[in-house]
Amino acid sequence: QIRVHLSHRGHPIAGDPSYGSNKRAKEIQSTQIRSKVLALKRQALHAYFLGFDHPKTGERLEFTSPIAQDLAEIIQLLDAST
């Protein structure tokens, strides 16, 4: 649902073929950031942490996943540009 809501608000997720477009990405002024965003072959979404209770056992399950290199590079470029 987050993809639909963000798109409806005018902030589509980069790399989302269903609810996004490259139109916004093409407006990015930094050529370095723009090229990285346009090169994404997937949605620019990441969950570092996910936790839930197992539906049958009730056991708490928690998972972490480091951010992918392509997204980390975009974040670093964005941080450096502000």
PDB file of N, CA and C in Angstrom:
ATOM      1  N   GLN A   1       0.812  -1.206   0.000  1.00  0.00           N
ATOM      2  CA  GLN A   1       0.000   0.000   0.000  1.00  0.00           C
ATOM      3  C   GLN A   1       0.853   1.266   0.000  1.00  0.00           C
ATOM      4  N   ILE A   2       2.038   1.200   0.573  1.00  0.00           N
ATOM      5  CA  ILE A   2       2.878   2.400   0.633  1.00  0.00           C
ATOM      6  C   ILE A   2       3.194   2.913  -0.775  1.00  0.00           C
ATOM      7  N   ARG A   3       3.346   2.010  -1.721  1.00  0.00           N
ATOM      8  CA  ARG A   3       3.644   2.420  -3.099  1.00  0.00           C
ATOM      9  C   ARG A   3       2.490   3.216  -3.685  1.00  0.00           C
ATOM     10  N   VAL A   4       1.271   2.766  -3.459  1.00  0.00           N
ATOM     11  CA  VAL A   4       0.086   3.449  -3.981  1.00  0.00           C
ATOM     12  C   VAL A   4      -0.061   4.817  -3.334  1.00  0.00           C
ATOM     13  N   HIS A   5       0.058   4.869  -2.010  1.00  0.00           N
ATOM     14  CA  HIS A   5      -0.133   6.128  -1.290  1.00  0.00           C
ATOM     15  C   HIS A   5       0.920   7.169  -1.673  1.00  0.00           C
ATOM     16  N   LEU A   6       2.172   6.756  -1.736  1.00  0.00           N
ATOM     17  CA  LEU A   6       3.218   7.715  -2.104  1.00  0.00           C
ATOM     18  C   LEU A   6       3.041   8.213  -3.533  1.00  0.00           C
ATOM     19  N   SER A   7       2.668   7.333  -4.428  1.00  0.00           N
ATOM     20  CA  SER A   7       2.430   7.744  -5.810  1.00  0.00           C
ATOM     21  C   SER A   7       1.273   8.731  -5.891  1.00  0.00           C
ATOM     22  N   HIS A   8       0.210   8.439  -5.153  1.00  0.00           N
ATOM     23  CA  HIS A   8      -0.961   9.324  -5.144  1.00  0.00           C
ATOM     24  C   HIS A   8      -0.599  10.716  -4.623  1.00  0.00           C
ATOM     25  N   ARG A   9       0.345  10.779  -3.683  1.00  0.00           N
ATOM     26  CA  ARG A   9       0.786  12.057  -3.114  1.00  0.00           C
ATOM     27  C   ARG A   9       1.818  12.766  -3.989  1.00  0.00           C
ATOM     28  N   GLY A  10       2.168  12.146  -5.107  1.00  0.00           N
ATOM     29  CA  GLY A  10       3.131  12.772  -6.007  1.00  0.00           C
ATOM     30  C   GLY A  10       4.574  12.432  -5.711  1.00  0.00           C
ATOM     31  N   HIS A  11       4.791  11.383  -4.902  1.00  0.00           N
ATOM     32  CA  HIS A  11       6.146  10.970  -4.540  1.00  0.00           C
ATOM     33  C   HIS A  11       6.328   9.480  -4.821  1.00  0.00           C
ATOM     34  N   PRO A  12       6.311   9.087  -6.095  1.00  0.00           N
ATOM     35  CA  PRO A  12       6.440   7.660  -6.411  1.00  0.00           C
ATOM     36  C   PRO A  12       7.808   7.117  -6.001  1.00  0.00           C
ATOM     37  N   ILE A  13       7.842   5.851  -5.708  1.00  0.00           N
ATOM     38  CA  ILE A  13       9.085   5.196  -5.321  1.00  0.00           C
ATOM     39  C   ILE A  13       9.916   4.934  -6.576  1.00  0.00           C
ATOM     40  N   ALA A  14      11.174   5.315  -6.515  1.00  0.00           N
ATOM     41  CA  ALA A  14      12.074   5.101  -7.654  1.00  0.00           C
ATOM     42  C   ALA A  14      12.138   3.620  -7.996  1.00  0.00           C
ATOM     43  N   GLY A  15      12.081   3.328  -9.274  1.00  0.00           N
ATOM     44  CA  GLY A  15      12.181   1.957  -9.737  1.00  0.00           C
ATOM     45  C   GLY A  15      10.891   1.162  -9.679  1.00  0.00           C
ATOM     46  N   ASP A  16       9.784   1.802  -9.324  1.00  0.00           N
ATOM     47  CA  ASP A  16       8.498   1.099  -9.228  1.00  0.00           C
ATOM     48  C   ASP A  16       7.804   1.120 -10.587  1.00  0.00           C
ATOM     49  N   PRO A  17       7.745  -0.026 -11.276  1.00  0.00           N
ATOM     50  CA  PRO A  17       7.155  -0.040 -12.614  1.00  0.00           C
ATOM     51  C   PRO A  17       5.633   0.118 -12.618  1.00  0.00           C
ATOM     52  N   SER A  18       4.982  -0.194 -11.504  1.00  0.00           N
ATOM     53  CA  SER A  18       3.515  -0.135 -11.458  1.00  0.00           C
ATOM     54  C   SER A  18       2.982   1.240 -11.085  1.00  0.00           C
ATOM     55  N   TYR A  19       3.566   1.866 -10.074  1.00  0.00           N
ATOM     56  CA  TYR A  19       3.023   3.123  -9.557  1.00  0.00           C
ATOM     57  C   TYR A  19       3.973   4.302  -9.711  1.00  0.00           C
ATOM     58  N   GLY A  20       5.156   4.057 -10.203  1.00  0.00           N
ATOM     59  CA  GLY A  20       6.121   5.133 -10.370  1.00  0.00           C
ATOM     60  C   GLY A  20       6.402   5.386 -11.835  1.00  0.00           C
ATOM     61  N   SER A  21       7.296   6.296 -12.060  1.00  0.00           N
ATOM     62  CA  SER A  21       7.762   6.541 -13.421  1.00  0.00           C
ATOM     63  C   SER A  21       9.132   7.184 -13.321  1.00  0.00           C
ATOM     64  N   ASN A  22       9.829   7.227 -14.427  1.00  0.00           N
ATOM     65  CA  ASN A  22      11.138   7.876 -14.442  1.00  0.00           C
ATOM     66  C   ASN A  22      11.022   9.378 -14.617  1.00  0.00           C
ATOM     67  N   LYS A  23       9.799   9.879 -14.778  1.00  0.00           N
ATOM     68  CA  LYS A  23       9.612  11.310 -15.005  1.00  0.00           C
ATOM     69  C   LYS A  23      10.230  12.132 -13.873  1.00  0.00           C
ATOM     70  N   ARG A  24       9.946  11.761 -12.626  1.00  0.00           N
ATOM     71  CA  ARG A  24      10.495  12.511 -11.492  1.00  0.00           C
ATOM     72  C   ARG A  24      12.004  12.349 -11.409  1.00  0.00           C
ATOM     73  N   ALA A  25      12.494  11.143 -11.662  1.00  0.00           N
ATOM     74  CA  ALA A  25      13.931  10.898 -11.579  1.00  0.00           C
ATOM     75  C   ALA A  25      14.689  11.728 -12.606  1.00  0.00           C
ATOM     76  N   LYS A  26      14.102  11.928 -13.766  1.00  0.00           N
ATOM     77  CA  LYS A  26      14.756  12.711 -14.814  1.00  0.00           C
ATOM     78  C   LYS A  26      14.882  14.184 -14.448  1.00  0.00           C
ATOM     79  N   GLU A  27      14.129  14.620 -13.422  1.00  0.00           N
ATOM     80  CA  GLU A  27      14.190  16.010 -12.971  1.00  0.00           C
ATOM     81  C   GLU A  27      15.301  16.246 -11.949  1.00  0.00           C
ATOM     82  N   ILE A  28      15.971  15.189 -11.488  1.00  0.00           N
ATOM     83  CA  ILE A  28      17.045  15.330 -10.505  1.00  0.00           C
ATOM     84  C   ILE A  28      18.189  16.109 -11.145  1.00  0.00           C
ATOM     85  N   GLN A  29      18.617  17.175 -10.489  1.00  0.00           N
ATOM     86  CA  GLN A  29      19.631  18.050 -11.083  1.00  0.00           C
ATOM     87  C   GLN A  29      21.022  17.434 -11.112  1.00  0.00           C
ATOM     88  N   SER A  30      21.383  16.706 -10.075  1.00  0.00           N
ATOM     89  CA  SER A  30      22.703  16.080 -10.037  1.00  0.00           C
ATOM     90  C   SER A  30      22.744  14.927 -11.038  1.00  0.00           C
ATOM     91  N   THR A  31      23.650  15.013 -12.002  1.00  0.00           N
ATOM     92  CA  THR A  31      23.739  13.951 -13.008  1.00  0.00           C
ATOM     93  C   THR A  31      24.178  12.627 -12.382  1.00  0.00           C
ATOM     94  N   GLN A  32      25.017  12.703 -11.363  1.00  0.00           N
ATOM     95  CA  GLN A  32      25.499  11.485 -10.706  1.00  0.00           C
ATOM     96  C   GLN A  32      24.354  10.770  -9.980  1.00  0.00           C
ATOM     97  N   ILE A  33      23.561  11.527  -9.225  1.00  0.00           N
ATOM     98  CA  ILE A  33      22.425  10.934  -8.515  1.00  0.00           C
ATOM     99  C   ILE A  33      21.376  10.457  -9.516  1.00  0.00           C
ATOM    100  N   ARG A  34      21.080  11.288 -10.500  1.00  0.00           N
ATOM    101  CA  ARG A  34      20.073  10.924 -11.499  1.00  0.00           C
ATOM    102  C   ARG A  34      20.435   9.608 -12.192  1.00  0.00           C
ATOM    103  N   SER A  35      21.688   9.446 -12.588  1.00  0.00           N
ATOM    104  CA  SER A  35      22.087   8.222 -13.293  1.00  0.00           C
ATOM    105  C   SER A  35      21.976   6.996 -12.392  1.00  0.00           C
ATOM    106  N   LYS A  36      22.298   7.148 -11.107  1.00  0.00           N
ATOM    107  CA  LYS A  36      22.173   6.019 -10.165  1.00  0.00           C
ATOM    108  C   LYS A  36      20.713   5.632  -9.976  1.00  0.00           C
ATOM    109  N   VAL A  37      19.835   6.622  -9.839  1.00  0.00           N
ATOM    110  CA  VAL A  37      18.406   6.346  -9.644  1.00  0.00           C
ATOM    111  C   VAL A  37      17.826   5.695 -10.893  1.00  0.00           C
ATOM    112  N   LEU A  38      18.153   6.219 -12.052  1.00  0.00           N
ATOM    113  CA  LEU A  38      17.622   5.657 -13.296  1.00  0.00           C
ATOM    114  C   LEU A  38      18.169   4.259 -13.580  1.00  0.00           C
ATOM    115  N   ALA A  39      19.319   3.924 -13.014  1.00  0.00           N
ATOM    116  CA  ALA A  39      19.919   2.606 -13.232  1.00  0.00           C
ATOM    117  C   ALA A  39      19.317   1.518 -12.342  1.00  0.00           C
ATOM    118  N   LEU A  40      18.500   1.909 -11.370  1.00  0.00           N
ATOM    119  CA  LEU A  40      17.891   0.908 -10.487  1.00  0.00           C
ATOM    120  C   LEU A  40      17.059  -0.081 -11.297  1.00  0.00           C
ATOM    121  N   LYS A  41      17.228  -1.337 -11.021  1.00  0.00           N
ATOM    122  CA  LYS A  41      16.479  -2.395 -11.709  1.00  0.00           C
ATOM    123  C   LYS A  41      15.372  -2.952 -10.813  1.00  0.00           C
ATOM    124  N   ARG A  42      15.061  -2.229  -9.751  1.00  0.00           N
ATOM    125  CA  ARG A  42      14.054  -2.666  -8.781  1.00  0.00           C
ATOM    126  C   ARG A  42      13.535  -1.456  -8.031  1.00  0.00           C
ATOM    127  N   GLN A  43      12.579  -1.695  -7.170  1.00  0.00           N
ATOM    128  CA  GLN A  43      12.037  -0.604  -6.366  1.00  0.00           C
ATOM    129  C   GLN A  43      13.058  -0.183  -5.315  1.00  0.00           C
ATOM    130  N   ALA A  44      13.117   1.089  -5.055  1.00  0.00           N
ATOM    131  CA  ALA A  44      14.039   1.610  -4.052  1.00  0.00           C
ATOM    132  C   ALA A  44      13.392   1.529  -2.670  1.00  0.00           C
ATOM    133  N   LEU A  45      13.105   0.317  -2.252  1.00  0.00           N
ATOM    134  CA  LEU A  45      12.526   0.059  -0.934  1.00  0.00           C
ATOM    135  C   LEU A  45      13.444  -0.886  -0.177  1.00  0.00           C
ATOM    136  N   HIS A  46      13.524  -0.689   1.146  1.00  0.00           N
ATOM    137  CA  HIS A  46      14.341  -1.579   1.959  1.00  0.00           C
ATOM    138  C   HIS A  46      13.787  -1.614   3.373  1.00  0.00           C
ATOM    139  N   ALA A  47      13.732  -2.802   3.945  1.00  0.00           N
ATOM    140  CA  ALA A  47      13.374  -2.968   5.355  1.00  0.00           C
ATOM    141  C   ALA A  47      14.609  -3.490   6.072  1.00  0.00           C
ATOM    142  N   TYR A  48      15.193  -2.661   6.927  1.00  0.00           N
ATOM    143  CA  TYR A  48      16.364  -3.083   7.689  1.00  0.00           C
ATOM    144  C   TYR A  48      15.966  -4.106   8.745  1.00  0.00           C
ATOM    145  N   PHE A  49      14.789  -3.899   9.347  1.00  0.00           N
ATOM    146  CA  PHE A  49      14.336  -4.764  10.437  1.00  0.00           C
ATOM    147  C   PHE A  49      12.902  -5.208  10.185  1.00  0.00           C
ATOM    148  N   LEU A  50      12.650  -6.471  10.430  1.00  0.00           N
ATOM    149  CA  LEU A  50      11.299  -7.013  10.331  1.00  0.00           C
ATOM    150  C   LEU A  50      11.098  -7.951  11.509  1.00  0.00           C
ATOM    151  N   GLY A  51      10.021  -7.750  12.237  1.00  0.00           N
ATOM    152  CA  GLY A  51       9.729  -8.614  13.373  1.00  0.00           C
ATOM    153  C   GLY A  51       8.250  -8.931  13.433  1.00  0.00           C
ATOM    154  N   PHE A  52       7.935 -10.150  13.827  1.00  0.00           N
ATOM    155  CA  PHE A  52       6.537 -10.550  13.979  1.00  0.00           C
ATOM    156  C   PHE A  52       6.462 -11.796  14.852  1.00  0.00           C
ATOM    157  N   ASP A  53       5.281 -12.049  15.379  1.00  0.00           N
ATOM    158  CA  ASP A  53       5.040 -13.258  16.157  1.00  0.00           C
ATOM    159  C   ASP A  53       4.565 -14.357  15.215  1.00  0.00           C
ATOM    160  N   HIS A  54       5.187 -15.520  15.333  1.00  0.00           N
ATOM    161  CA  HIS A  54       4.801 -16.649  14.481  1.00  0.00           C
ATOM    162  C   HIS A  54       3.330 -16.975  14.731  1.00  0.00           C
ATOM    163  N   PRO A  55       2.533 -17.124  13.674  1.00  0.00           N
ATOM    164  CA  PRO A  55       1.091 -17.308  13.850  1.00  0.00           C
ATOM    165  C   PRO A  55       0.695 -18.600  14.563  1.00  0.00           C
ATOM    166  N   LYS A  56       1.521 -19.619  14.521  1.00  0.00           N
ATOM    167  CA  LYS A  56       1.164 -20.882  15.187  1.00  0.00           C
ATOM    168  C   LYS A  56       1.838 -21.045  16.538  1.00  0.00           C
ATOM    169  N   THR A  57       3.123 -20.726  16.603  1.00  0.00           N
ATOM    170  CA  THR A  57       3.868 -20.961  17.846  1.00  0.00           C
ATOM    171  C   THR A  57       3.868 -19.753  18.771  1.00  0.00           C
ATOM    172  N   GLY A  58       3.610 -18.574  18.234  1.00  0.00           N
ATOM    173  CA  GLY A  58       3.669 -17.357  19.032  1.00  0.00           C
ATOM    174  C   GLY A  58       5.087 -16.868  19.273  1.00  0.00           C
ATOM    175  N   GLU A  59       6.071 -17.622  18.775  1.00  0.00           N
ATOM    176  CA  GLU A  59       7.469 -17.231  18.953  1.00  0.00           C
ATOM    177  C   GLU A  59       7.740 -15.915  18.231  1.00  0.00           C
ATOM    178  N   ARG A  60       8.481 -15.034  18.899  1.00  0.00           N
ATOM    179  CA  ARG A  60       8.863 -13.765  18.294  1.00  0.00           C
ATOM    180  C   ARG A  60      10.004 -14.016  17.319  1.00  0.00           C
ATOM    181  N   LEU A  61       9.816 -13.626  16.085  1.00  0.00           N
ATOM    182  CA  LEU A  61      10.837 -13.769  15.058  1.00  0.00           C
ATOM    183  C   LEU A  61      11.277 -12.381  14.617  1.00  0.00           C
ATOM    184  N   GLU A  62      12.582 -12.181  14.542  1.00  0.00           N
ATOM    185  CA  GLU A  62      13.125 -10.888  14.134  1.00  0.00           C
ATOM    186  C   GLU A  62      14.251 -11.110  13.134  1.00  0.00           C
ATOM    187  N   PHE A  63      14.259 -10.282  12.112  1.00  0.00           N
ATOM    188  CA  PHE A  63      15.246 -10.394  11.048  1.00  0.00           C
ATOM    189  C   PHE A  63      15.804  -9.010  10.729  1.00  0.00           C
ATOM    190  N   THR A  64      17.089  -8.963  10.412  1.00  0.00           N
ATOM    191  CA  THR A  64      17.700  -7.722   9.940  1.00  0.00           C
ATOM    192  C   THR A  64      18.387  -8.006   8.605  1.00  0.00           C
ATOM    193  N   SER A  65      18.490  -6.959   7.813  1.00  0.00           N
ATOM    194  CA  SER A  65      19.124  -7.087   6.507  1.00  0.00           C
ATOM    195  C   SER A  65      19.825  -5.774   6.183  1.00  0.00           C
ATOM    196  N   PRO A  66      21.129  -5.818   5.923  1.00  0.00           N
ATOM    197  CA  PRO A  66      21.819  -4.576   5.576  1.00  0.00           C
ATOM    198  C   PRO A  66      21.300  -4.028   4.250  1.00  0.00           C
ATOM    199  N   ILE A  67      21.406  -2.733   4.113  1.00  0.00           N
ATOM    200  CA  ILE A  67      20.929  -2.092   2.888  1.00  0.00           C
ATOM    201  C   ILE A  67      21.819  -2.498   1.712  1.00  0.00           C
ATOM    202  N   ALA A  68      21.208  -2.657   0.565  1.00  0.00           N
ATOM    203  CA  ALA A  68      21.944  -3.043  -0.643  1.00  0.00           C
ATOM    204  C   ALA A  68      22.892  -1.919  -1.069  1.00  0.00           C
ATOM    205  N   GLN A  69      23.969  -2.304  -1.716  1.00  0.00           N
ATOM    206  CA  GLN A  69      25.002  -1.347  -2.111  1.00  0.00           C
ATOM    207  C   GLN A  69      24.467  -0.240  -3.014  1.00  0.00           C
ATOM    208  N   ASP A  70      23.583  -0.580  -3.957  1.00  0.00           N
ATOM    209  CA  ASP A  70      23.088   0.451  -4.874  1.00  0.00           C
ATOM    210  C   ASP A  70      22.287   1.523  -4.130  1.00  0.00           C
ATOM    211  N   LEU A  71      21.476   1.110  -3.167  1.00  0.00           N
ATOM    212  CA  LEU A  71      20.719   2.101  -2.395  1.00  0.00           C
ATOM    213  C   LEU A  71      21.630   2.879  -1.447  1.00  0.00           C
ATOM    214  N   ALA A  72      22.607   2.199  -0.865  1.00  0.00           N
ATOM    215  CA  ALA A  72      23.550   2.875   0.027  1.00  0.00           C
ATOM    216  C   ALA A  72      24.310   3.971  -0.717  1.00  0.00           C
ATOM    217  N   GLU A  73      24.690   3.702  -1.953  1.00  0.00           N
ATOM    218  CA  GLU A  73      25.405   4.707  -2.747  1.00  0.00           C
ATOM    219  C   GLU A  73      24.519   5.917  -3.037  1.00  0.00           C
ATOM    220  N   ILE A  74      23.260   5.683  -3.348  1.00  0.00           N
ATOM    221  CA  ILE A  74      22.338   6.796  -3.599  1.00  0.00           C
ATOM    222  C   ILE A  74      22.151   7.621  -2.334  1.00  0.00           C
ATOM    223  N   ILE A  75      21.993   6.958  -1.195  1.00  0.00           N
ATOM    224  CA  ILE A  75      21.819   7.672   0.072  1.00  0.00           C
ATOM    225  C   ILE A  75      23.051   8.511   0.384  1.00  0.00           C
ATOM    226  N   GLN A  76      24.245   7.954   0.175  1.00  0.00           N
ATOM    227  CA  GLN A  76      25.481   8.711   0.418  1.00  0.00           C
ATOM    228  C   GLN A  76      25.553   9.950  -0.471  1.00  0.00           C
ATOM    229  N   LEU A  77      25.192   9.795  -1.730  1.00  0.00           N
ATOM    230  CA  LEU A  77      25.211  10.938  -2.648  1.00  0.00           C
ATOM    231  C   LEU A  77      24.191  11.995  -2.225  1.00  0.00           C
ATOM    232  N   LEU A  78      23.009  11.557  -1.803  1.00  0.00           N
ATOM    233  CA  LEU A  78      21.989  12.506  -1.346  1.00  0.00           C
ATOM    234  C   LEU A  78      22.440  13.230  -0.084  1.00  0.00           C
ATOM    235  N   ASP A  79      23.031  12.485   0.864  1.00  0.00           N
ATOM    236  CA  ASP A  79      23.534  13.109   2.091  1.00  0.00           C
ATOM    237  C   ASP A  79      24.604  14.151   1.785  1.00  0.00           C
ATOM    238  N   ALA A  80      25.482  13.841   0.853  1.00  0.00           N
ATOM    239  CA  ALA A  80      26.574  14.752   0.511  1.00  0.00           C
ATOM    240  C   ALA A  80      26.083  15.995  -0.224  1.00  0.00           C
ATOM    241  N   SER A  81      24.918  15.891  -0.859  1.00  0.00           N
ATOM    242  CA  SER A  81      24.423  17.024  -1.654  1.00  0.00           C
ATOM    243  C   SER A  81      23.593  18.010  -0.846  1.00  0.00           C
ATOM    244  N   THR A  82      23.334  17.707   0.417  1.00  0.00           N
ATOM    245  CA  THR A  82      22.509  18.623   1.228  1.00  0.00           C
ATOM    246  C   THR A  82      23.327  19.391   2.220  1.00  0.00           C
TER     247      THR A  82
END
